[in-house]
Amino acid sequence: MTSWLLTKLHNGYTMISAREGDYHFSYFIWFENVNGDPEVAQRPYRADCTAPPPDYSRATSTSRYFMHKCFPNDVSRAVHCNELFMMHVGLVNTQYIAGHCRQLAAKNS
């Protein structure tokens, strides 16, 4: 499931949610400025199907890849890339998952 979610990310999705067997998987990626406020990308992320997916074995390379794609003019490093991957028991409803995501994202700031 992780591989599938990361493939979807490489194809241009920034929020993915899927149920597989007894579990519900969610993945989110977003950007914040140094004050913790959401930041809109300078350039929308467009999947580059000719390029291999970024190296997900190292978190820093993933963040750098998306920062380079979405904020090519951010030389001051004032924008940060955040990622959240969650796995819940499949019985949990999507409203709970969305609320849990908001809570975890708020703690990250």
PDB file of N, CA and C in Angstrom:
ATOM      1  N   MET A   1       0.826  -1.194   0.000  1.00  0.00           N
ATOM      2  CA  MET A   1       0.000   0.000   0.000  1.00  0.00           C
ATOM      3  C   MET A   1       0.867   1.254   0.000  1.00  0.00           C
ATOM      4  N   THR A   2       1.949   1.221   0.740  1.00  0.00           N
ATOM      5  CA  THR A   2       2.851   2.372   0.768  1.00  0.00           C
ATOM      6  C   THR A   2       3.378   2.679  -0.620  1.00  0.00           C
ATOM      7  N   SER A   3       3.786   1.659  -1.330  1.00  0.00           N
ATOM      8  CA  SER A   3       4.294   1.845  -2.687  1.00  0.00           C
ATOM      9  C   SER A   3       3.221   2.450  -3.591  1.00  0.00           C
ATOM     10  N   TRP A   4       1.990   1.973  -3.477  1.00  0.00           N
ATOM     11  CA  TRP A   4       0.888   2.493  -4.290  1.00  0.00           C
ATOM     12  C   TRP A   4       0.632   3.962  -3.980  1.00  0.00           C
ATOM     13  N   LEU A   5       0.602   4.318  -2.669  1.00  0.00           N
ATOM     14  CA  LEU A   5       0.376   5.702  -2.274  1.00  0.00           C
ATOM     15  C   LEU A   5       1.477   6.613  -2.800  1.00  0.00           C
ATOM     16  N   LEU A   6       2.714   6.168  -2.718  1.00  0.00           N
ATOM     17  CA  LEU A   6       3.821   6.994  -3.196  1.00  0.00           C
ATOM     18  C   LEU A   6       3.811   7.128  -4.716  1.00  0.00           C
ATOM     19  N   THR A   7       3.326   6.104  -5.408  1.00  0.00           N
ATOM     20  CA  THR A   7       3.166   6.206  -6.859  1.00  0.00           C
ATOM     21  C   THR A   7       2.119   7.248  -7.198  1.00  0.00           C
ATOM     22  N   LYS A   8       1.021   7.273  -6.445  1.00  0.00           N
ATOM     23  CA  LYS A   8      -0.011   8.294  -6.652  1.00  0.00           C
ATOM     24  C   LYS A   8       0.552   9.690  -6.407  1.00  0.00           C
ATOM     25  N   LEU A   9       1.375   9.827  -5.391  1.00  0.00           N
ATOM     26  CA  LEU A   9       2.028  11.113  -5.111  1.00  0.00           C
ATOM     27  C   LEU A   9       2.880  11.537  -6.299  1.00  0.00           C
ATOM     28  N   HIS A  10       3.642  10.621  -6.827  1.00  0.00           N
ATOM     29  CA  HIS A  10       4.487  10.919  -7.982  1.00  0.00           C
ATOM     30  C   HIS A  10       3.650  11.299  -9.205  1.00  0.00           C
ATOM     31  N   ASN A  11       2.417  10.779  -9.271  1.00  0.00           N
ATOM     32  CA  ASN A  11       1.526  11.101 -10.385  1.00  0.00           C
ATOM     33  C   ASN A  11       0.802  12.426 -10.202  1.00  0.00           C
ATOM     34  N   GLY A  12       1.057  13.127  -9.104  1.00  0.00           N
ATOM     35  CA  GLY A  12       0.512  14.467  -8.937  1.00  0.00           C
ATOM     36  C   GLY A  12      -0.507  14.651  -7.839  1.00  0.00           C
ATOM     37  N   TYR A  13      -0.893  13.592  -7.145  1.00  0.00           N
ATOM     38  CA  TYR A  13      -1.857  13.724  -6.053  1.00  0.00           C
ATOM     39  C   TYR A  13      -1.138  14.197  -4.792  1.00  0.00           C
ATOM     40  N   THR A  14      -1.761  15.107  -4.038  1.00  0.00           N
ATOM     41  CA  THR A  14      -1.164  15.574  -2.786  1.00  0.00           C
ATOM     42  C   THR A  14      -1.932  15.078  -1.568  1.00  0.00           C
ATOM     43  N   MET A  15      -3.126  14.504  -1.804  1.00  0.00           N
ATOM     44  CA  MET A  15      -3.911  13.888  -0.736  1.00  0.00           C
ATOM     45  C   MET A  15      -4.458  12.572  -1.278  1.00  0.00           C
ATOM     46  N   ILE A  16      -4.192  11.509  -0.547  1.00  0.00           N
ATOM     47  CA  ILE A  16      -4.617  10.190  -0.990  1.00  0.00           C
ATOM     48  C   ILE A  16      -5.218   9.462   0.207  1.00  0.00           C
ATOM     49  N   SER A  17      -6.322   8.788  -0.021  1.00  0.00           N
ATOM     50  CA  SER A  17      -6.954   8.005   1.025  1.00  0.00           C
ATOM     51  C   SER A  17      -7.490   6.730   0.385  1.00  0.00           C
ATOM     52  N   ALA A  18      -7.174   5.591   0.973  1.00  0.00           N
ATOM     53  CA  ALA A  18      -7.616   4.320   0.397  1.00  0.00           C
ATOM     54  C   ALA A  18      -7.778   3.287   1.504  1.00  0.00           C
ATOM     55  N   ARG A  19      -8.694   2.378   1.270  1.00  0.00           N
ATOM     56  CA  ARG A  19      -8.904   1.280   2.209  1.00  0.00           C
ATOM     57  C   ARG A  19      -8.394  -0.001   1.567  1.00  0.00           C
ATOM     58  N   GLU A  20      -7.626  -0.746   2.332  1.00  0.00           N
ATOM     59  CA  GLU A  20      -7.071  -2.016   1.865  1.00  0.00           C
ATOM     60  C   GLU A  20      -7.231  -3.020   2.994  1.00  0.00           C
ATOM     61  N   GLY A  21      -8.070  -4.010   2.772  1.00  0.00           N
ATOM     62  CA  GLY A  21      -8.284  -5.020   3.805  1.00  0.00           C
ATOM     63  C   GLY A  21      -8.880  -4.405   5.051  1.00  0.00           C
ATOM     64  N   ASP A  22      -8.250  -4.638   6.188  1.00  0.00           N
ATOM     65  CA  ASP A  22      -8.748  -4.150   7.472  1.00  0.00           C
ATOM     66  C   ASP A  22      -8.249  -2.755   7.830  1.00  0.00           C
ATOM     67  N   TYR A  23      -7.546  -2.089   6.923  1.00  0.00           N
ATOM     68  CA  TYR A  23      -6.923  -0.805   7.252  1.00  0.00           C
ATOM     69  C   TYR A  23      -7.309   0.289   6.272  1.00  0.00           C
ATOM     70  N   HIS A  24      -7.238   1.509   6.766  1.00  0.00           N
ATOM     71  CA  HIS A  24      -7.478   2.702   5.959  1.00  0.00           C
ATOM     72  C   HIS A  24      -6.169   3.500   5.964  1.00  0.00           C
ATOM     73  N   PHE A  25      -5.641   3.792   4.794  1.00  0.00           N
ATOM     74  CA  PHE A  25      -4.378   4.506   4.657  1.00  0.00           C
ATOM     75  C   PHE A  25      -4.645   5.906   4.125  1.00  0.00           C
ATOM     76  N   SER A  26      -3.924   6.891   4.651  1.00  0.00           N
ATOM     77  CA  SER A  26      -4.055   8.267   4.198  1.00  0.00           C
ATOM     78  C   SER A  26      -2.668   8.882   4.081  1.00  0.00           C
ATOM     79  N   TYR A  27      -2.522   9.722   3.075  1.00  0.00           N
ATOM     80  CA  TYR A  27      -1.255  10.420   2.880  1.00  0.00           C
ATOM     81  C   TYR A  27      -1.565  11.853   2.489  1.00  0.00           C
ATOM     82  N   PHE A  28      -0.861  12.795   3.105  1.00  0.00           N
ATOM     83  CA  PHE A  28      -1.042  14.208   2.828  1.00  0.00           C
ATOM     84  C   PHE A  28       0.321  14.876   2.719  1.00  0.00           C
ATOM     85  N   ILE A  29       0.427  15.822   1.813  1.00  0.00           N
ATOM     86  CA  ILE A  29       1.635  16.640   1.719  1.00  0.00           C
ATOM     87  C   ILE A  29       1.182  18.089   1.596  1.00  0.00           C
ATOM     88  N   TRP A  30       1.806  18.984   2.361  1.00  0.00           N
ATOM     89  CA  TRP A  30       1.454  20.395   2.299  1.00  0.00           C
ATOM     90  C   TRP A  30       2.691  21.224   2.640  1.00  0.00           C
ATOM     91  N   PHE A  31       2.580  22.526   2.392  1.00  0.00           N
ATOM     92  CA  PHE A  31       3.704  23.444   2.599  1.00  0.00           C
ATOM     93  C   PHE A  31       3.313  24.523   3.594  1.00  0.00           C
ATOM     94  N   GLU A  32       4.268  24.921   4.425  1.00  0.00           N
ATOM     95  CA  GLU A  32       4.068  25.993   5.400  1.00  0.00           C
ATOM     96  C   GLU A  32       5.247  26.939   5.353  1.00  0.00           C
ATOM     97  N   ASN A  33       4.971  28.221   5.689  1.00  0.00           N
ATOM     98  CA  ASN A  33       6.071  29.171   5.806  1.00  0.00           C
ATOM     99  C   ASN A  33       6.656  29.062   7.211  1.00  0.00           C
ATOM    100  N   VAL A  34       7.658  29.870   7.517  1.00  0.00           N
ATOM    101  CA  VAL A  34       8.340  29.761   8.810  1.00  0.00           C
ATOM    102  C   VAL A  34       7.429  30.104   9.986  1.00  0.00           C
ATOM    103  N   ASN A  35       6.317  30.799   9.740  1.00  0.00           N
ATOM    104  CA  ASN A  35       5.358  31.131  10.801  1.00  0.00           C
ATOM    105  C   ASN A  35       4.347  30.019  11.035  1.00  0.00           C
ATOM    106  N   GLY A  36       4.398  28.952  10.240  1.00  0.00           N
ATOM    107  CA  GLY A  36       3.457  27.848  10.375  1.00  0.00           C
ATOM    108  C   GLY A  36       2.168  28.045   9.600  1.00  0.00           C
ATOM    109  N   ASP A  37       2.108  29.102   8.792  1.00  0.00           N
ATOM    110  CA  ASP A  37       0.920  29.344   7.968  1.00  0.00           C
ATOM    111  C   ASP A  37       1.023  28.557   6.673  1.00  0.00           C
ATOM    112  N   PRO A  38      -0.128  28.084   6.152  1.00  0.00           N
ATOM    113  CA  PRO A  38      -0.092  27.357   4.872  1.00  0.00           C
ATOM    114  C   PRO A  38       0.489  28.232   3.761  1.00  0.00           C
ATOM    115  N   GLU A  39       1.191  27.608   2.879  1.00  0.00           N
ATOM    116  CA  GLU A  39       1.840  28.310   1.769  1.00  0.00           C
ATOM    117  C   GLU A  39       1.367  27.699   0.450  1.00  0.00           C
ATOM    118  N   VAL A  40       0.964  28.562  -0.473  1.00  0.00           N
ATOM    119  CA  VAL A  40       0.537  28.111  -1.797  1.00  0.00           C
ATOM    120  C   VAL A  40       1.772  27.968  -2.669  1.00  0.00           C
ATOM    121  N   ALA A  41       1.856  26.876  -3.397  1.00  0.00           N
ATOM    122  CA  ALA A  41       3.023  26.619  -4.254  1.00  0.00           C
ATOM    123  C   ALA A  41       3.188  27.704  -5.302  1.00  0.00           C
ATOM    124  N   GLN A  42       4.434  28.098  -5.560  1.00  0.00           N
ATOM    125  CA  GLN A  42       4.717  29.062  -6.612  1.00  0.00           C
ATOM    126  C   GLN A  42       4.364  28.480  -7.971  1.00  0.00           C
ATOM    127  N   ARG A  43       4.613  27.205  -8.093  1.00  0.00           N
ATOM    128  CA  ARG A  43       4.306  26.498  -9.336  1.00  0.00           C
ATOM    129  C   ARG A  43       3.620  25.196  -8.938  1.00  0.00           C
ATOM    130  N   PRO A  44       2.399  24.937  -9.487  1.00  0.00           N
ATOM    131  CA  PRO A  44       1.706  23.688  -9.134  1.00  0.00           C
ATOM    132  C   PRO A  44       2.561  22.476  -9.476  1.00  0.00           C
ATOM    133  N   TYR A  45       2.478  21.481  -8.618  1.00  0.00           N
ATOM    134  CA  TYR A  45       3.237  20.254  -8.862  1.00  0.00           C
ATOM    135  C   TYR A  45       2.637  19.536 -10.061  1.00  0.00           C
ATOM    136  N   ARG A  46       3.457  19.250 -11.015  1.00  0.00           N
ATOM    137  CA  ARG A  46       3.049  18.478 -12.185  1.00  0.00           C
ATOM    138  C   ARG A  46       3.909  17.231 -12.225  1.00  0.00           C
ATOM    139  N   ALA A  47       3.246  16.119 -12.323  1.00  0.00           N
ATOM    140  CA  ALA A  47       3.979  14.854 -12.371  1.00  0.00           C
ATOM    141  C   ALA A  47       4.846  14.811 -13.618  1.00  0.00           C
ATOM    142  N   ASP A  48       6.043  14.336 -13.451  1.00  0.00           N
ATOM    143  CA  ASP A  48       6.968  14.157 -14.566  1.00  0.00           C
ATOM    144  C   ASP A  48       7.087  12.658 -14.807  1.00  0.00           C
ATOM    145  N   CYS A  49       6.252  12.161 -15.701  1.00  0.00           N
ATOM    146  CA  CYS A  49       6.195  10.715 -15.930  1.00  0.00           C
ATOM    147  C   CYS A  49       7.469  10.166 -16.567  1.00  0.00           C
ATOM    148  N   THR A  50       8.302  11.036 -17.112  1.00  0.00           N
ATOM    149  CA  THR A  50       9.545  10.570 -17.718  1.00  0.00           C
ATOM    150  C   THR A  50      10.643  10.381 -16.679  1.00  0.00           C
ATOM    151  N   ALA A  51      10.481  11.027 -15.535  1.00  0.00           N
ATOM    152  CA  ALA A  51      11.498  10.934 -14.487  1.00  0.00           C
ATOM    153  C   ALA A  51      11.128   9.813 -13.518  1.00  0.00           C
ATOM    154  N   PRO A  52      12.130   9.179 -12.932  1.00  0.00           N
ATOM    155  CA  PRO A  52      11.812   8.166 -11.911  1.00  0.00           C
ATOM    156  C   PRO A  52      11.271   8.855 -10.661  1.00  0.00           C
ATOM    157  N   PRO A  53      10.476   8.163  -9.863  1.00  0.00           N
ATOM    158  CA  PRO A  53       9.983   8.759  -8.619  1.00  0.00           C
ATOM    159  C   PRO A  53      11.158   9.148  -7.726  1.00  0.00           C
ATOM    160  N   PRO A  54      10.957  10.147  -6.860  1.00  0.00           N
ATOM    161  CA  PRO A  54      12.034  10.515  -5.942  1.00  0.00           C
ATOM    162  C   PRO A  54      12.397   9.350  -5.035  1.00  0.00           C
ATOM    163  N   ASP A  55      13.570   9.416  -4.462  1.00  0.00           N
ATOM    164  CA  ASP A  55      14.053   8.346  -3.584  1.00  0.00           C
ATOM    165  C   ASP A  55      13.357   8.456  -2.238  1.00  0.00           C
ATOM    166  N   TYR A  56      12.358   7.609  -2.006  1.00  0.00           N
ATOM    167  CA  TYR A  56      11.583   7.680  -0.781  1.00  0.00           C
ATOM    168  C   TYR A  56      12.280   6.995   0.390  1.00  0.00           C
ATOM    169  N   SER A  57      13.452   6.442   0.172  1.00  0.00           N
ATOM    170  CA  SER A  57      14.164   5.809   1.280  1.00  0.00           C
ATOM    171  C   SER A  57      14.814   6.854   2.178  1.00  0.00           C
ATOM    172  N   ARG A  58      14.913   8.071   1.672  1.00  0.00           N
ATOM    173  CA  ARG A  58      15.482   9.163   2.483  1.00  0.00           C
ATOM    174  C   ARG A  58      14.498  10.320   2.495  1.00  0.00           C
ATOM    175  N   ALA A  59      13.981  10.676   3.662  1.00  0.00           N
ATOM    176  CA  ALA A  59      12.958  11.719   3.773  1.00  0.00           C
ATOM    177  C   ALA A  59      13.449  13.064   3.254  1.00  0.00           C
ATOM    178  N   THR A  60      14.706  13.376   3.482  1.00  0.00           N
ATOM    179  CA  THR A  60      15.197  14.689   3.055  1.00  0.00           C
ATOM    180  C   THR A  60      15.187  14.810   1.540  1.00  0.00           C
ATOM    181  N   SER A  61      15.446  13.730   0.818  1.00  0.00           N
ATOM    182  CA  SER A  61      15.432  13.817  -0.638  1.00  0.00           C
ATOM    183  C   SER A  61      14.015  14.018  -1.148  1.00  0.00           C
ATOM    184  N   THR A  62      13.017  13.441  -0.474  1.00  0.00           N
ATOM    185  CA  THR A  62      11.623  13.631  -0.864  1.00  0.00           C
ATOM    186  C   THR A  62      11.235  15.088  -0.694  1.00  0.00           C
ATOM    187  N   SER A  63      11.536  15.661   0.459  1.00  0.00           N
ATOM    188  CA  SER A  63      11.214  17.061   0.702  1.00  0.00           C
ATOM    189  C   SER A  63      11.922  17.970  -0.290  1.00  0.00           C
ATOM    190  N   ARG A  64      13.186  17.734  -0.515  1.00  0.00           N
ATOM    191  CA  ARG A  64      13.932  18.561  -1.477  1.00  0.00           C
ATOM    192  C   ARG A  64      13.342  18.467  -2.868  1.00  0.00           C
ATOM    193  N   TYR A  65      12.924  17.272  -3.271  1.00  0.00           N
ATOM    194  CA  TYR A  65      12.334  17.065  -4.590  1.00  0.00           C
ATOM    195  C   TYR A  65      11.083  17.931  -4.759  1.00  0.00           C
ATOM    196  N   PHE A  66      10.176  17.876  -3.779  1.00  0.00           N
ATOM    197  CA  PHE A  66       8.945  18.649  -3.878  1.00  0.00           C
ATOM    198  C   PHE A  66       9.180  20.143  -3.718  1.00  0.00           C
ATOM    199  N   MET A  67      10.116  20.519  -2.892  1.00  0.00           N
ATOM    200  CA  MET A  67      10.448  21.940  -2.760  1.00  0.00           C
ATOM    201  C   MET A  67      10.989  22.479  -4.077  1.00  0.00           C
ATOM    202  N   HIS A  68      11.854  21.710  -4.723  1.00  0.00           N
ATOM    203  CA  HIS A  68      12.417  22.126  -6.008  1.00  0.00           C
ATOM    204  C   HIS A  68      11.326  22.246  -7.069  1.00  0.00           C
ATOM    205  N   LYS A  69      10.381  21.305  -7.088  1.00  0.00           N
ATOM    206  CA  LYS A  69       9.310  21.318  -8.081  1.00  0.00           C
ATOM    207  C   LYS A  69       8.304  22.443  -7.835  1.00  0.00           C
ATOM    208  N   CYS A  70       7.907  22.660  -6.574  1.00  0.00           N
ATOM    209  CA  CYS A  70       6.831  23.606  -6.260  1.00  0.00           C
ATOM    210  C   CYS A  70       7.295  25.008  -5.880  1.00  0.00           C
ATOM    211  N   PHE A  71       8.524  25.131  -5.426  1.00  0.00           N
ATOM    212  CA  PHE A  71       9.057  26.434  -5.012  1.00  0.00           C
ATOM    213  C   PHE A  71      10.451  26.644  -5.597  1.00  0.00           C
ATOM    214  N   PRO A  72      10.545  26.747  -6.924  1.00  0.00           N
ATOM    215  CA  PRO A  72      11.872  26.878  -7.538  1.00  0.00           C
ATOM    216  C   PRO A  72      12.577  28.183  -7.183  1.00  0.00           C
ATOM    217  N   ASN A  73      11.834  29.205  -6.744  1.00  0.00           N
ATOM    218  CA  ASN A  73      12.436  30.506  -6.427  1.00  0.00           C
ATOM    219  C   ASN A  73      12.683  30.709  -4.938  1.00  0.00           C
ATOM    220  N   ASP A  74      12.453  29.701  -4.119  1.00  0.00           N
ATOM    221  CA  ASP A  74      12.628  29.835  -2.669  1.00  0.00           C
ATOM    222  C   ASP A  74      14.080  29.561  -2.283  1.00  0.00           C
ATOM    223  N   VAL A  75      14.912  30.536  -2.495  1.00  0.00           N
ATOM    224  CA  VAL A  75      16.335  30.365  -2.159  1.00  0.00           C
ATOM    225  C   VAL A  75      16.579  30.592  -0.671  1.00  0.00           C
ATOM    226  N   SER A  76      15.658  31.281   0.000  1.00  0.00           N
ATOM    227  CA  SER A  76      15.847  31.578   1.426  1.00  0.00           C
ATOM    228  C   SER A  76      15.429  30.429   2.328  1.00  0.00           C
ATOM    229  N   ARG A  77      14.832  29.390   1.766  1.00  0.00           N
ATOM    230  CA  ARG A  77      14.353  28.224   2.526  1.00  0.00           C
ATOM    231  C   ARG A  77      13.314  28.635   3.570  1.00  0.00           C
ATOM    232  N   ALA A  78      12.448  29.589   3.199  1.00  0.00           N
ATOM    233  CA  ALA A  78      11.412  30.081   4.108  1.00  0.00           C
ATOM    234  C   ALA A  78      10.178  29.190   4.099  1.00  0.00           C
ATOM    235  N   VAL A  79      10.120  28.231   3.208  1.00  0.00           N
ATOM    236  CA  VAL A  79       8.972  27.334   3.101  1.00  0.00           C
ATOM    237  C   VAL A  79       9.417  25.923   3.468  1.00  0.00           C
ATOM    238  N   HIS A  80       8.563  25.221   4.206  1.00  0.00           N
ATOM    239  CA  HIS A  80       8.864  23.860   4.634  1.00  0.00           C
ATOM    240  C   HIS A  80       7.836  22.895   4.055  1.00  0.00           C
ATOM    241  N   CYS A  81       8.283  21.718   3.715  1.00  0.00           N
ATOM    242  CA  CYS A  81       7.429  20.659   3.163  1.00  0.00           C
ATOM    243  C   CYS A  81       7.074  19.701   4.296  1.00  0.00           C
ATOM    244  N   ASN A  82       5.782  19.458   4.484  1.00  0.00           N
ATOM    245  CA  ASN A  82       5.314  18.538   5.510  1.00  0.00           C
ATOM    246  C   ASN A  82       4.622  17.353   4.858  1.00  0.00           C
ATOM    247  N   GLU A  83       4.856  16.173   5.402  1.00  0.00           N
ATOM    248  CA  GLU A  83       4.211  14.959   4.921  1.00  0.00           C
ATOM    249  C   GLU A  83       3.604  14.233   6.115  1.00  0.00           C
ATOM    250  N   LEU A  84       2.454  13.612   5.886  1.00  0.00           N
ATOM    251  CA  LEU A  84       1.799  12.846   6.937  1.00  0.00           C
ATOM    252  C   LEU A  84       1.245  11.571   6.320  1.00  0.00           C
ATOM    253  N   PHE A  85       1.686  10.442   6.845  1.00  0.00           N
ATOM    254  CA  PHE A  85       1.207   9.136   6.404  1.00  0.00           C
ATOM    255  C   PHE A  85       0.534   8.481   7.598  1.00  0.00           C
ATOM    256  N   MET A  86      -0.745   8.125   7.444  1.00  0.00           N
ATOM    257  CA  MET A  86      -1.486   7.549   8.566  1.00  0.00           C
ATOM    258  C   MET A  86      -2.095   6.209   8.167  1.00  0.00           C
ATOM    259  N   MET A  87      -2.227   5.348   9.160  1.00  0.00           N
ATOM    260  CA  MET A  87      -2.873   4.057   8.972  1.00  0.00           C
ATOM    261  C   MET A  87      -3.833   3.867  10.134  1.00  0.00           C
ATOM    262  N   HIS A  88      -5.108   3.647   9.818  1.00  0.00           N
ATOM    263  CA  HIS A  88      -6.143   3.438  10.825  1.00  0.00           C
ATOM    264  C   HIS A  88      -6.808   2.082  10.585  1.00  0.00           C
ATOM    265  N   VAL A  89      -7.420   1.561  11.626  1.00  0.00           N
ATOM    266  CA  VAL A  89      -8.241   0.371  11.474  1.00  0.00           C
ATOM    267  C   VAL A  89      -9.408   0.756  10.572  1.00  0.00           C
ATOM    268  N   GLY A  90      -9.770  -0.116   9.643  1.00  0.00           N
ATOM    269  CA  GLY A  90     -10.780   0.181   8.640  1.00  0.00           C
ATOM    270  C   GLY A  90     -12.154   0.547   9.179  1.00  0.00           C
ATOM    271  N   LEU A  91     -12.454   0.233  10.430  1.00  0.00           N
ATOM    272  CA  LEU A  91     -13.757   0.561  11.012  1.00  0.00           C
ATOM    273  C   LEU A  91     -13.900   2.050  11.324  1.00  0.00           C
ATOM    274  N   VAL A  92     -12.800   2.771  11.366  1.00  0.00           N
ATOM    275  CA  VAL A  92     -12.824   4.196  11.681  1.00  0.00           C
ATOM    276  C   VAL A  92     -13.413   4.951  10.491  1.00  0.00           C
ATOM    277  N   ASN A  93     -14.322   5.900  10.774  1.00  0.00           N
ATOM    278  CA  ASN A  93     -14.945   6.636   9.669  1.00  0.00           C
ATOM    279  C   ASN A  93     -14.022   7.766   9.172  1.00  0.00           C
ATOM    280  N   THR A  94     -14.289   8.242   7.976  1.00  0.00           N
ATOM    281  CA  THR A  94     -13.411   9.234   7.336  1.00  0.00           C
ATOM    282  C   THR A  94     -13.423  10.583   8.056  1.00  0.00           C
ATOM    283  N   GLN A  95     -14.526  10.930   8.722  1.00  0.00           N
ATOM    284  CA  GLN A  95     -14.556  12.182   9.481  1.00  0.00           C
ATOM    285  C   GLN A  95     -13.551  12.136  10.636  1.00  0.00           C
ATOM    286  N   TYR A  96     -13.447  10.996  11.289  1.00  0.00           N
ATOM    287  CA  TYR A  96     -12.473  10.838  12.367  1.00  0.00           C
ATOM    288  C   TYR A  96     -11.053  10.951  11.809  1.00  0.00           C
ATOM    289  N   ILE A  97     -10.818  10.317  10.680  1.00  0.00           N
ATOM    290  CA  ILE A  97      -9.483  10.358  10.069  1.00  0.00           C
ATOM    291  C   ILE A  97      -9.108  11.789   9.704  1.00  0.00           C
ATOM    292  N   ALA A  98     -10.041  12.539   9.130  1.00  0.00           N
ATOM    293  CA  ALA A  98      -9.771  13.932   8.774  1.00  0.00           C
ATOM    294  C   ALA A  98      -9.465  14.761  10.024  1.00  0.00           C
ATOM    295  N   GLY A  99     -10.226  14.555  11.086  1.00  0.00           N
ATOM    296  CA  GLY A  99      -9.967  15.266  12.341  1.00  0.00           C
ATOM    297  C   GLY A  99      -8.618  14.887  12.938  1.00  0.00           C
ATOM    298  N   HIS A 100      -8.278  13.611  12.893  1.00  0.00           N
ATOM    299  CA  HIS A 100      -7.001  13.140  13.407  1.00  0.00           C
ATOM    300  C   HIS A 100      -5.852  13.769  12.616  1.00  0.00           C
ATOM    301  N   CYS A 101      -6.015  13.852  11.315  1.00  0.00           N
ATOM    302  CA  CYS A 101      -5.004  14.486  10.468  1.00  0.00           C
ATOM    303  C   CYS A 101      -4.799  15.940  10.880  1.00  0.00           C
ATOM    304  N   ARG A 102      -5.894  16.675  11.081  1.00  0.00           N
ATOM    305  CA  ARG A 102      -5.780  18.083  11.497  1.00  0.00           C
ATOM    306  C   ARG A 102      -5.048  18.206  12.831  1.00  0.00           C
ATOM    307  N   GLN A 103      -5.368  17.322  13.775  1.00  0.00           N
ATOM    308  CA  GLN A 103      -4.715  17.357  15.082  1.00  0.00           C
ATOM    309  C   GLN A 103      -3.219  17.097  14.965  1.00  0.00           C
ATOM    310  N   LEU A 104      -2.852  16.091  14.199  1.00  0.00           N
ATOM    311  CA  LEU A 104      -1.423  15.765  14.030  1.00  0.00           C
ATOM    312  C   LEU A 104      -0.686  16.869  13.293  1.00  0.00           C
ATOM    313  N   ALA A 105      -1.314  17.436  12.271  1.00  0.00           N
ATOM    314  CA  ALA A 105      -0.679  18.526  11.527  1.00  0.00           C
ATOM    315  C   ALA A 105      -0.474  19.738  12.428  1.00  0.00           C
ATOM    316  N   ALA A 106      -1.423  20.031  13.304  1.00  0.00           N
ATOM    317  CA  ALA A 106      -1.303  21.169  14.227  1.00  0.00           C
ATOM    318  C   ALA A 106      -0.158  20.957  15.212  1.00  0.00           C
ATOM    319  N   LYS A 107       0.065  19.721  15.641  1.00  0.00           N
ATOM    320  CA  LYS A 107       1.158  19.430  16.562  1.00  0.00           C
ATOM    321  C   LYS A 107       2.509  19.566  15.881  1.00  0.00           C
ATOM    322  N   ASN A 108       2.539  19.375  14.558  1.00  0.00           N
ATOM    323  CA  ASN A 108       3.786  19.479  13.801  1.00  0.00           C
ATOM    324  C   ASN A 108       4.257  20.927  13.709  1.00  0.00           C
ATOM    325  N   SER A 109       3.320  21.870  13.748  1.00  0.00           N
ATOM    326  CA  SER A 109       3.662  23.282  13.567  1.00  0.00           C
ATOM    327  C   SER A 109       4.410  23.835  14.736  1.00  0.00           C
TER     328      SER A 109
END
